[in-house]
C-alpha cells in the first residue's frame, strides 16, 4: 500500500503554485506547530513545575532534561509522547510513595440545652405484706420533656458523687431528662432486689410520667431512714449516664 501524503498545494489557505504533496516529515512539523500554537493560547506556562529558564536564556524541561530555544518549543514538547510518558511515571511514583495520614476522629459537639428547673415528683414508702421487704416508689413528672428525649435513672454510691460529704449509710438515685435539671434522692445503702417484679421502671409518653419502684433485700425491723423533703440537684458532670 502506498503512503498517502498531504496536499499542500490545494489545502485551505495555500497560495497557488505552493508545491506538491507534503512529506511525512512536513506533516509532523505542521502538527507540532499546531500543537505549539494551541498550547500558547490555552496553557499558563508559569504554573508548570517542570518549566525553567536557565542562565543562557534558553528553556529546560526538568522532567525530561531537554533544552528548548523558546517557550513555543517547550510547549510543543509537553504535548509529545516522551513528556507525557515521563509525567505519567512521575505521578504514579508520587502516588505510591504518598503516606496516608489517618484523620483524627472528631468528637460530636453536644448541643447545649437550657435547663428549665426541676421536675415535679412524688415519693412513697411501701412494704411488701408477704415478705416484709421495704420498698420505695418514685413518680417523676416531665411535662416539658424534649420530643426526642427519654428519662433515665442511675444509682450512684456515696463515694462516687462530689456534691456532699460521703456517708456510707446512703446511696443516691438519680433521674435525668432534657431539658430538666438532674435530680437525686438519698436512699438507704442496702442491697436492691432486682428479681422479677421487685424492680420496676416505666415511662408513660402520653402522661409524661416516669415511675420507678424498688425493693430492698434486707428485712429490717427498724424503719426506713427518712427521705429528704426536697431532692438534691446534681450537676451534669457528676451525674454521668
Protein backbone atom coordinates (compact mmCIF):
# COMPACT_ATOMS: atom_id res chain seq x y z
CA UNK A 1 0.00 0.00 0.00
CA UNK A 2 1.42 3.41 -0.89
CA UNK A 3 1.82 6.29 1.59
CA UNK A 4 -0.83 8.97 1.23
CA UNK A 5 0.71 12.41 1.75
CA UNK A 6 -0.83 15.79 2.48
CA UNK A 7 -1.71 18.01 -0.49
CA UNK A 8 -0.12 21.34 0.44
CA UNK A 9 -0.94 22.86 -2.96
CA UNK A 10 -4.75 22.61 -2.70
CA UNK A 11 -5.13 22.90 1.06
CA UNK A 12 -7.17 25.75 2.54
CA UNK A 13 -5.18 28.98 2.73
CA UNK A 14 -2.35 27.82 0.45
CA UNK A 15 -1.31 30.02 -2.42
CA UNK A 16 -1.38 28.73 -5.98
CA UNK A 17 1.82 27.00 -7.05
CA UNK A 18 2.89 26.49 -3.41
CA UNK A 19 4.16 22.94 -4.01
CA UNK A 20 3.01 19.39 -4.31
CA UNK A 21 2.18 16.77 -1.70
CA UNK A 22 3.84 17.18 1.70
CA UNK A 23 6.10 14.52 3.07
CA UNK A 24 5.51 12.76 6.39
CA UNK A 25 8.21 14.95 7.93
CA UNK A 26 6.44 18.09 6.76
CA UNK A 27 3.14 16.80 8.16
CA UNK A 28 4.78 16.21 11.55
CA UNK A 29 6.27 19.69 11.52
CA UNK A 30 2.85 21.18 10.80
CA UNK A 31 1.24 19.09 13.54
CA UNK A 32 3.79 20.22 16.10
CA UNK A 33 3.27 23.83 15.04
CA UNK A 34 -0.48 23.49 15.53
CA UNK A 35 0.09 21.99 18.99
CA UNK A 36 2.52 24.77 19.89
CA UNK A 37 0.07 27.50 18.91
CA UNK A 38 -2.76 25.75 20.76
CA UNK A 39 -0.62 25.38 23.87
CA UNK A 40 0.39 29.04 23.80
CA UNK A 41 -3.29 30.00 23.75
CA UNK A 42 -4.54 27.63 26.44
CA UNK A 43 -1.68 26.83 28.88
CA UNK A 44 -0.21 29.15 31.51
CA UNK A 45 3.45 28.17 31.29
CA UNK A 46 4.33 29.97 34.55
CA UNK A 47 2.35 27.35 36.51
CA UNK A 48 4.28 24.41 35.01
CA UNK A 49 6.55 22.99 37.78
CA UNK A 50 8.90 21.46 35.20
CA UNK A 51 9.46 24.65 33.17
CA UNK A 52 12.71 26.52 33.84
CA UNK A 53 14.64 29.30 32.14
CA UNK A 54 18.40 28.86 32.54
CA UNK A 55 21.24 31.41 32.66
CA UNK A 56 21.81 31.10 28.90
CA UNK A 57 18.32 32.36 28.11
CA UNK A 58 17.05 29.01 26.85
CA UNK A 59 14.37 26.85 28.40
CA UNK A 60 14.61 23.46 30.07
CA UNK A 61 12.21 20.67 30.94
CA UNK A 62 13.31 19.48 34.36
CA UNK A 63 11.26 16.34 33.97
CA UNK A 64 12.76 15.15 30.68
CA UNK A 65 16.08 17.10 30.91
CA UNK A 66 15.62 18.63 27.45
CA UNK A 67 16.63 22.10 26.15
CA UNK A 68 14.35 24.39 24.14
CA UNK A 69 15.06 27.62 22.31
CA UNK A 70 11.73 29.28 23.08
CA UNK A 71 8.51 28.85 25.00
CA UNK A 72 6.67 27.55 21.98
CA UNK A 73 9.21 24.77 21.55
CA UNK A 74 8.85 23.82 25.20
CA UNK A 75 5.05 23.75 24.99
CA UNK A 76 5.18 21.59 21.88
CA UNK A 77 7.47 19.23 23.81
CA UNK A 78 4.96 18.95 26.66
CA UNK A 79 2.38 17.63 24.21
CA UNK A 80 4.74 14.95 22.92
CA UNK A 81 4.90 11.27 23.79
CA UNK A 82 8.16 11.48 25.76
CA UNK A 83 6.98 14.18 28.14
CA UNK A 84 3.56 12.60 28.63
CA UNK A 85 5.13 9.21 29.42
CA UNK A 86 7.58 10.71 31.93
CA UNK A 87 4.73 12.68 33.50
CA UNK A 88 2.60 9.56 33.93
CA UNK A 89 5.52 7.66 35.55
CA UNK A 90 6.23 10.54 37.93
CA UNK A 91 2.58 10.79 39.02
CA UNK A 92 2.40 7.02 39.60
CA UNK A 93 5.58 7.12 41.70
CA UNK A 94 4.36 10.03 43.82
CA UNK A 95 1.02 8.34 44.41
CA UNK A 96 2.79 5.17 45.56
CA UNK A 97 5.14 7.00 47.91
CA UNK A 98 2.47 9.20 49.37
CA UNK A 99 1.89 8.47 53.07
CA UNK A 100 -1.76 8.40 54.02
CA UNK A 101 -2.15 10.09 57.39
CA UNK A 102 -5.24 8.88 59.26
CA UNK A 103 -7.61 11.70 60.06
CA UNK A 104 -8.36 12.17 63.74
CA UNK A 105 -11.88 11.31 64.79
CA UNK A 106 -13.78 14.43 65.67
CA UNK A 107 -15.93 14.24 68.73
CA UNK A 108 -19.51 15.27 68.05
CA UNK A 109 -20.35 18.65 69.52
CA UNK A 110 -23.09 18.30 72.07
CA UNK A 111 -25.81 20.89 71.81
CA UNK A 112 -26.11 22.91 74.99
CA UNK A 113 -29.65 22.83 76.32
CA UNK A 114 -31.18 25.48 78.52
CA UNK A 115 -32.33 23.79 81.71
CA UNK A 116 -35.85 24.70 82.86
CA UNK A 117 -35.58 23.61 86.50
CA UNK A 118 -36.60 20.55 88.50
CA UNK A 119 -39.48 18.27 87.51
CA UNK A 120 -42.40 17.53 89.79
CA UNK A 121 -42.05 14.35 91.84
CA UNK A 122 -43.70 12.08 94.39
CA UNK A 123 -42.02 9.53 96.72
CA UNK A 124 -43.99 6.84 98.55
CA UNK A 125 -42.66 4.39 101.17
CA UNK A 126 -44.05 0.87 100.78
CA UNK A 127 -43.79 -2.55 102.40
CA UNK A 128 -44.47 -5.99 100.93
CA UNK A 129 -47.09 -7.57 103.21
CA UNK A 130 -45.89 -11.09 102.43
CA UNK A 131 -42.11 -10.75 102.64
CA UNK A 132 -41.89 -7.66 104.81
CA UNK A 133 -39.46 -6.05 102.35
CA UNK A 134 -39.16 -2.28 102.46
CA UNK A 135 -39.81 -0.52 99.14
CA UNK A 136 -39.77 2.95 97.61
CA UNK A 137 -41.92 4.23 94.78
CA UNK A 138 -40.81 7.28 92.74
CA UNK A 139 -43.03 9.19 90.34
CA UNK A 140 -41.38 11.96 88.29
CA UNK A 141 -43.39 14.30 86.05
CA UNK A 142 -41.69 15.52 82.87
CA UNK A 143 -44.42 17.64 81.28
CA UNK A 144 -41.99 19.63 79.08
CA UNK A 145 -39.62 16.81 78.12
CA UNK A 146 -37.90 17.08 74.72
CA UNK A 147 -39.67 15.20 71.95
CA UNK A 148 -36.60 13.03 71.22
CA UNK A 149 -35.63 12.51 74.86
CA UNK A 150 -36.47 9.71 77.28
CA UNK A 151 -35.98 9.77 81.08
CA UNK A 152 -33.08 7.83 82.59
CA UNK A 153 -32.09 6.76 86.07
CA UNK A 154 -28.83 5.81 87.74
CA UNK A 155 -27.83 4.54 91.17
CA UNK A 156 -24.63 6.12 92.49
CA UNK A 157 -22.56 5.33 95.58
CA UNK A 158 -21.93 7.99 98.21
CA UNK A 159 -18.22 7.96 97.36
CA UNK A 160 -18.80 8.50 93.64
CA UNK A 161 -20.75 11.73 93.98
CA UNK A 162 -18.91 15.02 94.60
CA UNK A 163 -21.73 17.21 95.91
CA UNK A 164 -21.94 16.16 99.55
CA UNK A 165 -19.57 14.62 102.06
CA UNK A 166 -19.66 10.80 101.62
CA UNK A 167 -21.92 8.95 104.07
CA UNK A 168 -21.71 5.16 103.83
CA UNK A 169 -25.26 4.81 105.16
CA UNK A 170 -26.70 6.20 101.93
CA UNK A 171 -26.58 5.81 98.17
CA UNK A 172 -28.05 8.10 95.53
CA UNK A 173 -30.82 7.53 92.99
CA UNK A 174 -30.60 9.98 90.07
CA UNK A 175 -33.20 10.92 87.47
CA UNK A 176 -32.44 12.85 84.29
CA UNK A 177 -34.35 14.04 81.21
CA UNK A 178 -33.74 17.04 78.95
CA UNK A 179 -34.32 19.91 79.39
CA UNK A 180 -34.83 19.40 83.13
CA UNK A 181 -32.12 19.51 85.77
CA UNK A 182 -30.83 16.16 87.01
CA UNK A 183 -32.25 15.42 90.45
CA UNK A 184 -31.14 12.86 93.05
CA UNK A 185 -32.53 11.22 96.17
CA UNK A 186 -30.54 9.82 99.11
CA UNK A 187 -31.78 6.31 99.77
CA UNK A 188 -30.59 3.67 102.29
CA UNK A 189 -27.37 1.95 101.29
CA UNK A 190 -28.89 -1.53 101.25
CA UNK A 191 -28.81 -4.18 98.55
CA UNK A 192 -31.57 -3.70 96.00
CA UNK A 193 -33.67 -6.70 94.98
CA UNK A 194 -33.61 -6.97 91.18
CA UNK A 195 -35.59 -10.18 90.87
CA UNK A 196 -38.67 -10.21 88.66
CA UNK A 197 -41.42 -7.94 89.97
CA UNK A 198 -39.14 -6.30 92.55
CA UNK A 199 -37.53 -3.62 90.39
CA UNK A 200 -39.94 -1.88 88.02
CA UNK A 201 -39.30 1.06 85.68
CA UNK A 202 -41.94 2.59 83.39
CA UNK A 203 -42.28 5.64 81.13
CA UNK A 204 -45.72 6.82 80.03
CA UNK A 205 -45.13 9.07 76.97
CA UNK A 206 -48.76 10.25 76.93
CA UNK A 207 -48.96 11.33 80.56
CA UNK A 208 -45.22 12.09 80.55
CA UNK A 209 -44.74 10.38 83.89
CA UNK A 210 -41.67 8.29 84.77
CA UNK A 211 -42.02 5.76 87.59
CA UNK A 212 -39.53 3.55 89.40
CA UNK A 213 -40.26 1.07 92.19
CA UNK A 214 -37.52 -0.76 94.06
CA UNK A 215 -37.38 -3.26 96.94
CA UNK A 216 -34.52 -3.72 99.39
CA UNK A 217 -33.28 -7.23 100.12
CA UNK A 218 -32.77 -6.63 103.83
CA UNK A 219 -35.82 -7.31 106.01
CA UNK A 220 -35.07 -4.87 108.79
CA UNK A 221 -37.37 -4.23 111.72
CA UNK A 222 -36.15 -0.68 112.04
CA UNK A 223 -37.94 1.89 109.87
CA UNK A 224 -36.50 3.06 106.57
CA UNK A 225 -34.38 6.22 107.05
CA UNK A 226 -36.33 9.35 106.34
CA UNK A 227 -36.11 10.79 102.84
CA UNK A 228 -35.30 14.46 102.18
CA UNK A 229 -38.27 16.75 101.72
CA UNK A 230 -36.68 18.06 98.54
CA UNK A 231 -34.33 16.22 96.17
CA UNK A 232 -30.75 17.38 95.82
CA UNK A 233 -29.69 18.71 92.44
CA UNK A 234 -26.65 17.16 90.74
CA UNK A 235 -24.54 18.92 88.14
CA UNK A 236 -24.46 17.08 84.79
CA UNK A 237 -20.76 16.32 85.31
CA UNK A 238 -21.45 14.44 88.49
CA UNK A 239 -24.42 12.64 87.03
CA UNK A 240 -22.82 10.51 84.33
CA UNK A 241 -25.02 8.06 82.48
